[in-house]
Protein backbone atom coordinates (compact mmCIF):
# COMPACT_ATOMS: atom_id res chain seq x y z
CA UNK A 1 0.00 0.00 0.00
CA UNK A 2 1.34 3.50 -0.82
CA UNK A 3 2.60 5.54 2.12
CA UNK A 4 0.70 8.54 3.46
CA UNK A 5 3.21 10.77 1.70
CA UNK A 6 2.57 9.25 -1.77
CA UNK A 7 1.88 11.91 -4.43
CA UNK A 8 -1.63 12.25 -5.76
CA UNK A 9 -2.41 11.90 -9.50
CA UNK A 10 -1.18 15.02 -11.20
CA UNK A 11 1.06 15.85 -8.16
CA UNK A 12 -1.63 18.17 -6.77
CA UNK A 13 -1.02 19.29 -3.17
CA UNK A 14 -3.12 17.59 -0.47
CA UNK A 15 -5.38 20.08 1.37
CA UNK A 16 -4.86 20.38 5.12
CA UNK A 17 -6.89 17.81 7.03
CA UNK A 18 -7.56 15.69 3.94
CA UNK A 19 -6.53 12.03 3.75
CA UNK A 20 -3.62 11.13 1.49
CA UNK A 21 -4.61 9.38 -1.77
CA UNK A 22 -4.15 5.62 -1.70
CA UNK A 23 -5.00 5.23 1.98
CA UNK A 24 -7.98 3.39 3.41
CA UNK A 25 -9.75 6.70 3.91
CA UNK A 26 -9.06 7.88 0.30
CA UNK A 27 -8.40 4.81 -1.85
CA UNK A 28 -7.31 5.12 -5.49
CA UNK A 29 -9.60 4.20 -8.29
CA UNK A 30 -8.02 1.89 -10.87
CA UNK A 31 -7.97 4.77 -13.38
CA UNK A 32 -6.23 7.03 -10.81
CA UNK A 33 -3.59 4.39 -10.13
CA UNK A 34 -2.89 3.81 -13.84
CA UNK A 35 -2.69 7.56 -14.51
CA UNK A 36 -0.23 8.01 -11.62
CA UNK A 37 1.88 5.07 -12.79
CA UNK A 38 1.94 6.43 -16.37
CA UNK A 39 3.07 9.88 -15.19
CA UNK A 40 5.85 8.38 -13.08
CA UNK A 41 7.09 6.12 -15.89
CA UNK A 42 7.06 8.88 -18.53
CA UNK A 43 8.87 11.28 -16.19
CA UNK A 44 11.56 8.72 -15.32
CA UNK A 45 12.02 7.13 -18.78
CA UNK A 46 11.23 9.89 -21.29
CA UNK A 47 13.97 8.80 -23.71
CA UNK A 48 15.77 5.47 -23.47
CA UNK A 49 17.62 3.14 -25.87
CA UNK A 50 16.67 -0.52 -25.76
CA UNK A 51 18.03 -3.55 -27.60
CA UNK A 52 16.01 -6.69 -28.10
CA UNK A 53 14.51 -9.23 -30.49
CA UNK A 54 11.24 -8.53 -32.33
CA UNK A 55 8.38 -10.90 -31.50
CA UNK A 56 4.64 -11.03 -32.36
CA UNK A 57 5.15 -8.23 -34.90
CA UNK A 58 1.86 -6.90 -36.33
CA UNK A 59 1.35 -4.04 -38.79
CA UNK A 60 -2.14 -2.70 -38.05
CA UNK A 61 -4.44 -1.45 -40.81
CA UNK A 62 -4.11 2.05 -39.35
CA UNK A 63 -0.39 2.03 -40.20
CA UNK A 64 0.76 1.58 -36.57
CA UNK A 65 3.06 -1.29 -35.51
CA UNK A 66 2.56 -3.40 -32.38
CA UNK A 67 5.09 -5.98 -31.19
CA UNK A 68 7.14 -7.26 -28.26
CA UNK A 69 10.83 -6.79 -27.53
CA UNK A 70 12.42 -9.73 -25.76
CA UNK A 71 15.70 -11.25 -24.67
CA UNK A 72 16.47 -14.60 -23.07
CA UNK A 73 15.01 -13.50 -19.69
CA UNK A 74 12.10 -11.12 -20.28
CA UNK A 75 9.92 -9.26 -22.77
CA UNK A 76 8.05 -5.95 -22.95
CA UNK A 77 5.23 -4.72 -25.16
CA UNK A 78 5.98 -1.96 -27.67
CA UNK A 79 4.16 0.29 -30.12
CA UNK A 80 5.50 2.36 -33.02
CA UNK A 81 3.00 4.76 -34.52
CA UNK A 82 2.70 5.61 -38.18
CA UNK A 83 4.33 9.07 -37.97
CA UNK A 84 7.51 7.38 -36.66
CA UNK A 85 7.60 4.04 -38.51
CA UNK A 86 7.32 5.54 -41.99
CA UNK A 87 10.92 6.75 -41.50
CA UNK A 88 12.13 3.13 -41.14
CA UNK A 89 13.72 1.98 -44.42
CA UNK A 90 13.78 -1.78 -43.77
CA UNK A 91 10.96 -4.27 -43.16
CA UNK A 92 10.87 -5.53 -39.54
CA UNK A 93 10.18 -9.21 -38.95
CA UNK A 94 9.94 -11.58 -36.00
CA UNK A 95 13.35 -12.73 -34.81
CA UNK A 96 15.18 -9.60 -35.99
CA UNK A 97 17.43 -7.99 -33.39
CA UNK A 98 16.97 -4.22 -33.26
CA UNK A 99 18.13 -1.11 -31.42
CA UNK A 100 15.25 1.25 -30.59
CA UNK A 101 14.80 4.61 -28.92
CA UNK A 102 11.58 5.60 -27.19
CA UNK A 103 9.75 6.47 -24.01
CA UNK A 104 8.39 4.10 -21.38
CA UNK A 105 4.72 4.54 -20.57
CA UNK A 106 1.55 2.72 -19.62
CA UNK A 107 -1.55 2.02 -21.73
CA UNK A 108 -4.12 3.08 -19.13
CA UNK A 109 -7.26 1.25 -20.40
CA UNK A 110 -5.53 -2.13 -19.89
CA UNK A 111 -2.93 -1.14 -17.35
CA UNK A 112 -0.28 -2.42 -19.74
CA UNK A 113 3.32 -1.24 -19.38
CA UNK A 114 4.89 -0.60 -22.83
CA UNK A 115 7.57 1.25 -24.79
CA UNK A 116 6.53 3.82 -27.40
CA UNK A 117 9.21 3.61 -30.12
CA UNK A 118 10.50 6.68 -31.98
CA UNK A 119 13.40 5.19 -33.99
CA UNK A 120 14.45 1.66 -34.96
CA UNK A 121 17.49 0.17 -36.70
CA UNK A 122 18.89 -3.35 -37.03
CA UNK A 123 21.38 -4.14 -34.34
CA UNK A 124 24.90 -4.30 -35.77
CA UNK A 125 23.78 -3.35 -39.33
CA UNK A 126 22.95 0.08 -40.69
CA UNK A 127 19.33 0.74 -41.59
CA UNK A 128 20.09 1.66 -45.21
CA UNK A 129 22.38 -1.33 -45.62
CA UNK A 130 19.64 -3.66 -44.35
CA UNK A 131 17.09 -2.08 -46.70
CA UNK A 132 19.55 -2.38 -49.59
CA UNK A 133 20.15 -6.08 -48.97
CA UNK A 134 16.45 -6.84 -48.57
CA UNK A 135 15.62 -5.02 -51.82
CA UNK A 136 18.47 -6.72 -53.70
CA UNK A 137 17.47 -10.20 -52.56
CA UNK A 138 13.76 -9.64 -53.33
CA UNK A 139 14.34 -8.30 -56.86
CA UNK A 140 16.86 -11.03 -57.58
CA UNK A 141 14.26 -13.61 -56.56
CA UNK A 142 11.84 -12.00 -59.05
CA UNK A 143 14.36 -12.53 -61.85
CA UNK A 144 15.10 -8.85 -62.54
CA UNK A 145 18.86 -9.46 -62.48
CA UNK A 146 18.92 -12.51 -64.79
CA UNK A 147 21.72 -12.34 -67.35
CA UNK A 148 19.47 -13.91 -69.95
CA UNK A 149 17.28 -10.78 -70.17
CA UNK A 150 20.19 -8.37 -70.59
CA UNK A 151 20.96 -6.97 -74.05
CA UNK A 152 24.30 -6.19 -75.71
CA UNK A 153 25.26 -2.58 -76.40
CA UNK A 154 25.09 -1.34 -80.00
CA UNK A 155 28.57 -1.47 -81.59
CA UNK A 156 28.52 2.02 -83.17
CA UNK A 157 25.73 4.14 -81.67
CA UNK A 158 24.91 7.43 -83.42
CA UNK A 159 22.82 8.85 -80.54
CA UNK A 160 23.44 8.36 -76.78
CA UNK A 161 21.02 9.35 -74.00
CA UNK A 162 22.30 10.40 -70.56
CA UNK A 163 20.07 10.53 -67.44
CA UNK A 164 21.91 12.50 -64.77
CA UNK A 165 22.23 15.91 -63.15
CA UNK A 166 23.03 18.61 -65.72
CA UNK A 167 25.35 20.36 -63.24
CA UNK A 168 27.21 17.37 -61.80
CA UNK A 169 30.68 16.09 -62.57
CA UNK A 170 29.27 12.91 -64.14
CA UNK A 171 27.84 14.62 -67.23
CA UNK A 172 31.09 16.55 -67.77
CA UNK A 173 33.14 13.35 -67.52
CA UNK A 174 30.88 11.57 -70.02
CA UNK A 175 30.95 14.42 -72.56
CA UNK A 176 34.73 14.78 -72.20
CA UNK A 177 35.31 11.10 -72.98
CA UNK A 178 32.89 11.13 -75.94
CA UNK A 179 34.53 14.23 -77.37
CA UNK A 180 37.99 12.70 -76.97
CA UNK A 181 36.81 9.56 -78.73
CA UNK A 182 36.05 11.78 -81.73
CA UNK A 183 32.86 10.14 -82.96
CA UNK A 184 30.13 11.60 -85.18
CA UNK A 185 27.19 11.26 -82.79
CA UNK A 186 24.49 13.10 -80.83
CA UNK A 187 24.24 13.20 -77.04
CA UNK A 188 20.83 13.88 -75.44
CA UNK A 189 20.88 14.74 -71.72
CA UNK A 190 17.65 14.23 -69.76
CA UNK A 191 18.25 16.37 -66.64
CA UNK A 192 17.21 14.95 -63.28
CA UNK A 193 18.16 15.17 -59.64
CA UNK A 194 20.36 12.29 -58.47
CA UNK A 195 20.19 12.89 -54.71
CA UNK A 196 17.31 13.50 -52.27
CA UNK A 197 13.77 12.27 -51.78
CA UNK A 198 12.45 13.40 -55.18
CA UNK A 199 15.43 12.08 -57.16
CA UNK A 200 14.15 8.54 -57.79
CA UNK A 201 10.95 9.74 -59.51
CA UNK A 202 12.95 12.17 -61.69
CA UNK A 203 15.44 9.44 -62.69
CA UNK A 204 12.54 7.18 -63.71
CA UNK A 205 11.01 9.95 -65.83
CA UNK A 206 14.37 10.73 -67.48
CA UNK A 207 14.89 7.06 -68.44
CA UNK A 208 11.35 6.84 -69.86
CA UNK A 209 11.84 10.03 -71.91
CA UNK A 210 15.10 8.78 -73.42
CA UNK A 211 13.66 5.32 -74.06
CA UNK A 212 10.74 6.90 -75.96
CA UNK A 213 13.07 9.00 -78.16
CA UNK A 214 13.32 7.34 -81.61
CA UNK A 215 17.01 8.18 -82.13
CA UNK A 216 18.47 7.08 -78.78
CA UNK A 217 20.28 3.74 -79.11
CA UNK A 218 21.78 3.41 -75.62
CA UNK A 219 21.16 5.12 -72.25
CA UNK A 220 23.68 5.97 -69.53
CA UNK A 221 22.07 6.52 -66.10
CA UNK A 222 24.28 7.50 -63.20
CA UNK A 223 26.12 10.00 -61.01
CA UNK A 224 29.43 10.44 -59.22
CA UNK A 225 30.37 8.69 -56.01
CA UNK A 226 29.11 9.41 -52.51
CA UNK A 227 27.83 7.84 -49.32
CA UNK A 228 25.17 5.16 -49.25
CA UNK A 229 22.62 7.88 -48.46
CA UNK A 230 23.78 9.96 -51.44
CA UNK A 231 23.52 7.02 -53.82
CA UNK A 232 20.21 5.80 -52.41
CA UNK A 233 17.93 6.97 -55.32
CA UNK A 234 19.67 4.35 -57.48
CA UNK A 235 18.70 1.70 -54.88
CA UNK A 236 14.98 2.53 -55.17
CA UNK A 237 12.72 -0.19 -56.56
CA UNK A 238 11.01 2.14 -59.05
CA UNK A 239 14.36 3.02 -60.67
CA UNK A 240 15.32 -0.65 -61.01
CA UNK A 241 11.97 -1.48 -62.62
CA UNK A 242 12.25 1.48 -65.02
CA UNK A 243 15.67 0.20 -66.16
CA UNK A 244 14.32 -3.31 -66.70
CA UNK A 245 11.26 -1.98 -68.58
CA UNK A 246 13.38 0.13 -70.94
CA UNK A 247 13.44 -1.16 -74.52
CA UNK A 248 16.76 0.67 -75.03
CA UNK A 249 19.89 -0.90 -73.46
CA UNK A 250 20.85 0.85 -70.20
CA UNK A 251 24.33 1.30 -68.72
CA UNK A 252 24.37 1.94 -64.96
CA UNK A 253 27.22 4.29 -64.03
CA UNK A 254 26.83 5.08 -60.34
CA UNK A 255 29.61 6.04 -57.96
CA UNK A 256 33.20 4.86 -58.00
CA UNK A 257 34.87 1.50 -58.51
CA UNK A 258 33.78 -0.04 -55.19
CA UNK A 259 30.18 1.22 -55.20
CA UNK A 260 27.38 -1.17 -56.16
CA UNK A 261 23.70 -0.19 -56.35
CA UNK A 262 20.46 -1.98 -57.23
CA UNK A 263 20.59 -0.17 -60.58
CA UNK A 264 23.92 -1.87 -61.35
CA UNK A 265 22.29 -5.29 -61.03
CA UNK A 266 19.19 -4.31 -63.04
CA UNK A 267 21.05 -2.60 -65.92
CA UNK A 268 22.16 -4.37 -69.09
CA UNK A 269 25.76 -3.31 -68.35
CA UNK A 270 27.39 -1.96 -65.19
CA UNK A 271 30.17 0.63 -65.47
CA UNK A 272 32.41 1.44 -62.52
CA UNK A 273 32.29 5.20 -63.21
CA UNK A 274 30.51 7.60 -65.60
CA UNK A 275 33.75 7.94 -67.58
CA UNK A 276 34.00 4.16 -67.91
CA UNK A 277 30.39 4.09 -69.14
CA UNK A 278 31.23 6.56 -71.93
CA UNK A 279 34.21 4.42 -72.93
CA UNK A 280 32.02 1.30 -72.99
CA UNK A 281 29.28 2.71 -75.24
CA UNK A 282 31.70 4.27 -77.73
CA UNK A 283 34.90 2.64 -78.83
CA UNK A 284 37.78 5.00 -79.60
CA UNK A 285 38.79 5.77 -83.18
CA UNK A 286 42.12 3.98 -82.73
CA UNK A 287 40.40 0.95 -81.26
CA UNK A 288 37.91 0.82 -84.13
CA UNK A 289 40.69 1.18 -86.66
CA UNK A 290 42.65 -1.60 -84.92
CA UNK A 291 39.57 -3.84 -84.99
CA UNK A 292 39.08 -3.14 -88.68
CA UNK A 293 42.75 -3.80 -89.43
CA UNK A 294 42.64 -7.01 -87.41
CA UNK A 295 39.50 -8.17 -89.21
CA UNK A 296 40.99 -7.23 -92.59
CA UNK A 297 44.22 -9.07 -91.80
CA UNK A 298 42.30 -12.14 -90.76
CA UNK A 299 40.22 -11.98 -93.89
CA UNK A 300 43.33 -11.61 -96.09
CA UNK A 301 45.00 -14.54 -94.33
CA UNK A 302 41.92 -16.69 -94.84
CA UNK A 303 41.74 -15.74 -98.51
CA UNK A 304 45.44 -16.44 -99.02
CA UNK A 305 45.13 -19.84 -97.35
CA UNK A 306 42.16 -20.59 -99.53
CA UNK A 307 44.08 -19.42 -102.61
CA UNK A 308 47.10 -21.52 -101.68
CA UNK A 309 44.91 -24.55 -101.30
CA UNK A 310 43.24 -23.86 -104.65
CA UNK A 311 46.64 -23.32 -106.36
CA UNK A 312 47.94 -26.60 -104.94
CA UNK A 313 44.87 -28.42 -106.12
CA UNK A 314 45.07 -26.71 -109.50
CA UNK A 315 48.76 -27.63 -109.92
CA UNK A 316 47.98 -31.19 -108.95
CA UNK A 317 45.17 -31.23 -111.45
CA UNK A 318 47.45 -29.63 -114.07
CA UNK A 319 49.95 -32.45 -113.73
CA UNK A 320 47.22 -34.93 -114.47
CA UNK A 321 47.09 -35.82 -118.15
CA UNK A 322 43.35 -36.40 -117.90
CA UNK A 323 42.81 -32.74 -116.90
CA UNK A 324 45.41 -30.99 -119.03
CA UNK A 325 42.66 -29.50 -121.19
CA UNK A 326 41.42 -27.31 -118.28
CA UNK A 327 44.75 -25.62 -117.46
CA UNK A 328 43.80 -22.45 -119.26
CA UNK A 329 40.61 -22.18 -117.23
CA UNK A 330 42.45 -22.69 -113.99
CA UNK A 331 44.95 -19.97 -114.86
CA UNK A 332 42.07 -17.63 -115.60
CA UNK A 333 40.45 -18.48 -112.26
CA UNK A 334 43.71 -17.88 -110.42
CA UNK A 335 44.04 -14.49 -112.08
CA UNK A 336 40.45 -13.66 -111.05
CA UNK A 337 41.24 -14.58 -107.45
CA UNK A 338 44.33 -12.36 -107.50
CA UNK A 339 42.16 -9.52 -108.82
CA UNK A 340 39.63 -10.07 -106.02
CA UNK A 341 42.44 -10.00 -103.46
CA UNK A 342 43.55 -6.61 -104.77
CA UNK A 343 39.99 -5.27 -104.68
CA UNK A 344 39.62 -6.48 -101.08
CA UNK A 345 42.72 -4.54 -100.05
CA UNK A 346 41.40 -1.39 -101.71
CA UNK A 347 38.00 -1.81 -99.98
CA UNK A 348 39.66 -2.09 -96.56
CA UNK A 349 41.61 1.08 -97.29
CA UNK A 350 38.40 2.88 -98.29
CA UNK A 351 36.77 1.88 -94.98
CA UNK A 352 39.70 3.30 -93.04
CA UNK A 353 39.63 6.51 -95.09
CA UNK A 354 35.89 6.88 -94.36
CA UNK A 355 36.48 6.47 -90.62
CA UNK A 356 39.18 9.15 -90.75
CA UNK A 357 36.83 11.46 -92.68
CA UNK A 358 34.03 11.07 -90.11
CA UNK A 359 36.51 11.86 -87.35
CA UNK A 360 37.54 15.08 -89.12
CA UNK A 361 33.90 16.06 -89.64
CA UNK A 362 33.14 15.55 -85.96
CA UNK A 363 36.13 17.68 -84.96
CA UNK A 364 34.86 20.41 -87.24
CA UNK A 365 31.30 20.20 -85.86
CA UNK A 366 32.54 20.32 -82.26
CA UNK A 367 34.84 23.31 -82.79
CA UNK A 368 33.93 26.46 -80.77
CA UNK A 369 33.40 28.47 -83.96
CA UNK A 370 30.87 25.98 -85.38
CA UNK A 371 29.01 25.71 -82.09
CA UNK A 372 28.88 29.51 -81.78
CA UNK A 373 27.51 29.86 -85.33
CA UNK A 374 24.84 27.24 -84.71
CA UNK A 375 23.78 28.91 -81.45
CA UNK A 376 23.53 32.27 -83.28
CA UNK A 377 21.37 30.72 -86.01
CA UNK A 378 19.05 29.15 -83.45
CA UNK A 379 18.80 32.48 -81.59
CA UNK A 380 17.77 34.30 -84.83
CA UNK A 381 15.12 31.68 -85.56
CA UNK A 382 13.77 32.04 -82.02
CA UNK A 383 13.63 35.84 -82.40
CA UNK A 384 11.66 35.46 -85.67
CA UNK A 385 9.21 33.05 -84.06
CA UNK A 386 8.65 35.44 -81.15
CA UNK A 387 7.95 38.36 -83.53
CA UNK A 388 5.50 36.23 -85.53
CA UNK A 389 3.69 35.25 -82.33
CA UNK A 390 3.50 38.91 -81.23
CA UNK A 391 2.07 40.00 -84.61
CA UNK A 392 -0.47 37.17 -84.66
CA UNK A 393 -1.57 37.89 -81.09
CA UNK A 394 -2.03 41.61 -81.82
CA UNK A 395 -4.07 40.88 -84.97
CA UNK A 396 -6.37 38.46 -83.15
CA UNK A 397 -6.81 40.92 -80.27
CA UNK A 398 -7.79 43.73 -82.70
CA UNK A 399 -10.29 41.50 -84.51
CA UNK A 400 -11.80 40.38 -81.20
CA UNK A 401 -12.22 44.00 -80.08
CA UNK A 402 -14.02 44.87 -83.34
CA UNK A 403 -16.40 41.91 -82.99
CA UNK A 404 -17.08 42.90 -79.38
CA UNK A 405 -17.92 46.47 -80.46
CA UNK A 406 -20.36 45.28 -83.14
CA UNK A 407 -22.02 42.87 -80.72
CA UNK A 408 -22.38 45.63 -78.10
CA UNK A 409 -24.03 47.89 -80.67
CA UNK A 410 -26.50 45.20 -81.71
CA UNK A 411 -27.26 44.43 -78.07
CA UNK A 412 -27.91 48.11 -77.31
CA UNK A 413 -30.32 48.37 -80.27
CA UNK A 414 -32.32 45.41 -79.02
CA UNK A 415 -32.49 46.63 -75.41
CA UNK A 416 -35.97 47.59 -74.08
CA UNK A 417 -34.39 50.70 -72.55
CA UNK A 418 -33.53 51.93 -76.04
CA UNK A 419 -37.21 51.61 -77.02
CA UNK A 420 -38.26 53.60 -73.93
CA UNK A 421 -35.73 56.27 -74.76
CA UNK A 422 -37.53 56.87 -78.09
CA UNK A 423 -40.76 57.86 -76.26
CA UNK A 424 -42.49 54.55 -75.73
CA UNK A 425 -43.66 53.21 -72.33
CA UNK A 426 -44.55 49.91 -70.66
CA UNK A 427 -47.74 49.52 -68.65
CA UNK A 428 -47.85 47.08 -65.70
CA UNK A 429 -50.73 45.85 -63.55
CA UNK A 430 -50.11 47.54 -60.18
CA UNK A 431 -51.30 44.47 -58.27
CA UNK A 432 -49.60 41.60 -60.12
CA UNK A 433 -46.81 43.45 -61.88
CA UNK A 434 -47.65 41.74 -65.21
CA UNK A 435 -47.36 43.64 -68.49
CA UNK A 436 -50.68 44.96 -69.91
CA UNK A 437 -50.75 44.36 -73.66
CA UNK A 438 -54.39 45.37 -74.54
CA UNK A 439 -57.23 47.46 -73.16
CA UNK A 440 -59.75 45.32 -71.29
CA UNK A 441 -62.92 46.24 -69.45
CA UNK A 442 -61.60 44.72 -66.23
CA UNK A 443 -59.05 47.50 -66.00
CA UNK A 444 -61.73 50.13 -65.42
CA UNK A 445 -60.96 51.97 -62.12
CA UNK A 446 -57.78 49.85 -61.61
CA UNK A 447 -54.37 51.22 -60.74
CA UNK A 448 -51.57 50.72 -63.21
CA UNK A 449 -47.85 51.51 -63.29
CA UNK A 450 -46.49 53.14 -66.44
CA UNK A 451 -42.70 52.78 -66.85
CA UNK A 452 -40.98 55.55 -68.84
CA UNK A 453 -37.37 55.90 -69.97
CA UNK A 454 -36.72 57.92 -66.83
CA UNK A 455 -39.00 57.12 -63.92
CA UNK A 456 -42.51 55.66 -63.63
CA UNK A 457 -46.13 56.93 -63.36
CA UNK A 458 -48.75 55.42 -61.03
CA UNK A 459 -52.14 55.99 -62.65
CA UNK A 460 -55.82 55.26 -62.12
CA UNK A 461 -57.71 54.01 -65.20
CA UNK A 462 -60.83 56.16 -65.65
CA UNK A 463 -61.78 55.01 -69.10
CA UNK A 464 -61.08 51.95 -71.25
CA UNK A 465 -61.15 52.23 -75.03
CA UNK A 466 -60.69 49.07 -76.96
CA UNK A 467 -58.99 49.05 -80.34
CA UNK A 468 -61.33 49.43 -83.24
CA UNK A 469 -62.45 46.05 -84.52
CA UNK A 470 -61.41 44.40 -81.21
């Protein structure tokens, strides 16, 4: 039993001569006791950290979570309300060990002691890392990362789409590599934020815009390095699904060499850095030339081996008396093969010359003078369009004003007030207010109201004269 000095609910002072609450003379009600216990618990344990294992976890339809925290010796009830649990980035489950912060209180209707949780994170593992691993495992189980669904990059793309921040280092690195590679191509940048809460939705929209563009042959989506929090938009499920849904091959270029995101697993190709992504999608001029030379050399070797085999067979056939009559034809065929070999060499040279010419054209197009001239031309076209819009708007506004003036004049001519202004009047029945259109005997000695252009007359009918013939 509480002592005579026990505080009353609410810590109100005890009047002189009154019995202390909780004594035989002034017993507590159950509600008073629970309220006092709740106040004492909340005052003593307003903010505590607690580690334990989740048990009996239940996500209520209201959005609140109810569960128990336990260890090998005891357990305590806990609640985490919607305003707090929507900040948790991983999915709690029974058996998971967590570190929580909250206040200790008492649910008065049931007298149940509990902890009201404000924050929660897995014990020994960061919250974002746990969310990342759960997302990765779930999407992998769905088959989103299967190698069989990934597509090869186009060998010589003419148009590349880039989904990234227009002000970040990533886009500058990509453009620098592409310019150094010296290719005749277009680069379309779909600007989007790559950090923060709204970034994931903007990245998804940028990928969809580039995928819908008819000229884009490959998409680079990425950003520079950073912390796990900075890179988190590329770990969002909606971004991974947008990459998988894209009909255009996607290269994920997020972070630095050691950084891996969900987007890296979902993309058709993963690049360690944005610069590496640019190198992947566009082979350098020297590399292309080397590949062409290698292919040409292989082709020439194959043709020469084939020719040697044919010569040997022809010489063997020429030594045969039975086939001596076809020697002239064989010599002609050998000469034709030699001619084809020469034409093949010239064709390979033409291909190399064409590659060099395209490189020179790209250098010319990317020169500051050419870019400045093109910007000036576009600016002049924009100025002409603006002037045309201004002239068209002014003409339509003038025509609309004229139509409005004509309509106002017609409306004024049809107005009853205009008729009254010309000397006519309208006669109303003083009792009902209805318009009197003809003289009737019933109007004898009745009062009528005659409306004029300015003012009205209240009259008494002394005589009724019907229209002749009426």
